[in-house]
């Protein structure tokens, strides 16, 4: 077994403050994400848990803000927007936003 140095108590709040993006950075990130999603498929948008939480390493607060900005953007562009566990109909099939998905938006 390896010996680990003791560093004392770590203030997780201070670490979190350093890691979080500021408001301007988060908006810039969100706009870039929206643009990339629209280029990928402008009729069907999907934000997965893996993408936001693991790939981009966003905090819960950052994810909430990304989802809020994205929802407003897509709704203003005429998309139907659904979040985790919501049921919806798409291409004549009943579907559900799965537990590993944060958001699905599509144009009818």
Protein backbone atom coordinates (compact mmCIF):
# COMPACT_ATOMS: atom_id res chain seq x y z
CA UNK A 1 0.00 0.00 0.00
CA UNK A 2 1.31 3.44 -0.89
CA UNK A 3 1.80 6.16 1.66
CA UNK A 4 -0.04 9.38 0.93
CA UNK A 5 0.90 12.77 2.26
CA UNK A 6 -1.63 14.52 4.39
CA UNK A 7 -2.46 17.97 3.07
CA UNK A 8 -4.94 18.97 5.71
CA UNK A 9 -8.53 19.88 5.06
CA UNK A 10 -9.39 20.98 1.51
CA UNK A 11 -12.05 23.64 1.15
CA UNK A 12 -14.16 22.23 -1.71
CA UNK A 13 -16.02 25.53 -2.10
CA UNK A 14 -12.79 27.35 -2.95
CA UNK A 15 -11.82 24.68 -5.47
CA UNK A 16 -15.26 24.86 -7.08
CA UNK A 17 -15.00 28.64 -7.45
CA UNK A 18 -11.73 28.27 -9.33
CA UNK A 19 -13.09 25.58 -11.66
CA UNK A 20 -16.40 27.25 -12.56
CA UNK A 21 -16.53 29.34 -15.70
CA UNK A 22 -17.50 32.95 -15.29
CA UNK A 23 -20.81 34.09 -16.79
CA UNK A 24 -19.26 35.41 -20.00
CA UNK A 25 -17.25 32.22 -20.59
CA UNK A 26 -20.31 30.06 -19.94
CA UNK A 27 -22.44 32.03 -22.42
CA UNK A 28 -19.66 31.77 -25.02
CA UNK A 29 -19.40 28.02 -24.39
CA UNK A 30 -23.19 27.63 -24.70
CA UNK A 31 -23.37 29.56 -27.98
CA UNK A 32 -20.58 27.38 -29.37
CA UNK A 33 -22.38 24.23 -28.23
CA UNK A 34 -25.66 25.37 -29.82
CA UNK A 35 -23.90 26.19 -33.10
CA UNK A 36 -22.13 22.82 -33.20
CA UNK A 37 -25.39 20.97 -32.46
CA UNK A 38 -27.21 22.83 -35.23
CA UNK A 39 -24.42 22.01 -37.71
CA UNK A 40 -24.56 18.37 -36.66
CA UNK A 41 -28.34 18.12 -37.22
CA UNK A 42 -30.49 21.24 -37.30
CA UNK A 43 -33.74 19.29 -36.96
CA UNK A 44 -32.89 17.16 -33.91
CA UNK A 45 -30.74 18.36 -30.98
CA UNK A 46 -29.62 16.12 -28.12
CA UNK A 47 -27.55 16.97 -25.03
CA UNK A 48 -26.36 13.86 -23.21
CA UNK A 49 -25.22 13.43 -19.63
CA UNK A 50 -21.86 12.14 -20.88
CA UNK A 51 -21.32 15.17 -23.10
CA UNK A 52 -22.03 17.86 -20.52
CA UNK A 53 -20.92 16.20 -17.29
CA UNK A 54 -18.00 14.02 -18.41
CA UNK A 55 -16.67 15.37 -21.71
CA UNK A 56 -17.00 19.07 -20.84
CA UNK A 57 -16.74 18.58 -17.05
CA UNK A 58 -19.51 21.08 -16.26
CA UNK A 59 -20.79 21.57 -12.72
CA UNK A 60 -24.48 21.17 -11.91
CA UNK A 61 -24.85 24.96 -11.82
CA UNK A 62 -23.18 25.31 -15.22
CA UNK A 63 -25.35 22.55 -16.69
CA UNK A 64 -28.49 24.28 -15.39
CA UNK A 65 -27.44 27.54 -17.05
CA UNK A 66 -26.50 25.83 -20.34
CA UNK A 67 -29.91 24.10 -20.39
CA UNK A 68 -31.76 27.34 -19.60
CA UNK A 69 -29.98 29.32 -22.32
CA UNK A 70 -30.38 26.47 -24.81
CA UNK A 71 -34.08 26.04 -24.02
CA UNK A 72 -34.75 29.74 -24.59
CA UNK A 73 -32.76 29.74 -27.82
CA UNK A 74 -34.38 26.64 -29.29
CA UNK A 75 -37.92 27.59 -28.25
CA UNK A 76 -37.45 31.01 -29.87
CA UNK A 77 -36.38 29.23 -33.07
CA UNK A 78 -39.56 27.11 -33.09
CA UNK A 79 -38.19 23.89 -31.61
CA UNK A 80 -40.08 21.68 -29.19
CA UNK A 81 -37.81 21.24 -26.14
CA UNK A 82 -37.95 18.38 -23.63
CA UNK A 83 -35.87 17.49 -20.57
CA UNK A 84 -34.98 14.26 -18.72
CA UNK A 85 -37.93 11.86 -18.26
CA UNK A 86 -40.31 13.94 -20.40
CA UNK A 87 -42.43 11.99 -22.87
CA UNK A 88 -43.00 13.28 -26.39
CA UNK A 89 -43.96 12.19 -29.87
CA UNK A 90 -41.44 12.40 -32.69
CA UNK A 91 -41.87 11.01 -36.20
CA UNK A 92 -45.12 9.26 -35.22
CA UNK A 93 -43.48 7.39 -32.33
CA UNK A 94 -43.86 7.90 -28.60
CA UNK A 95 -40.49 8.58 -27.00
CA UNK A 96 -39.00 9.62 -23.71
CA UNK A 97 -35.98 11.73 -22.81
CA UNK A 98 -33.89 9.04 -21.17
CA UNK A 99 -32.09 9.32 -17.83
CA UNK A 100 -28.74 9.73 -19.63
CA UNK A 101 -30.05 12.69 -21.65
CA UNK A 102 -30.52 16.24 -20.42
CA UNK A 103 -32.29 17.81 -23.38
CA UNK A 104 -33.89 16.91 -26.69
CA UNK A 105 -35.13 19.59 -29.06
CA UNK A 106 -36.58 19.15 -32.52
CA UNK A 107 -38.46 20.94 -35.26
CA UNK A 108 -41.72 19.43 -36.48
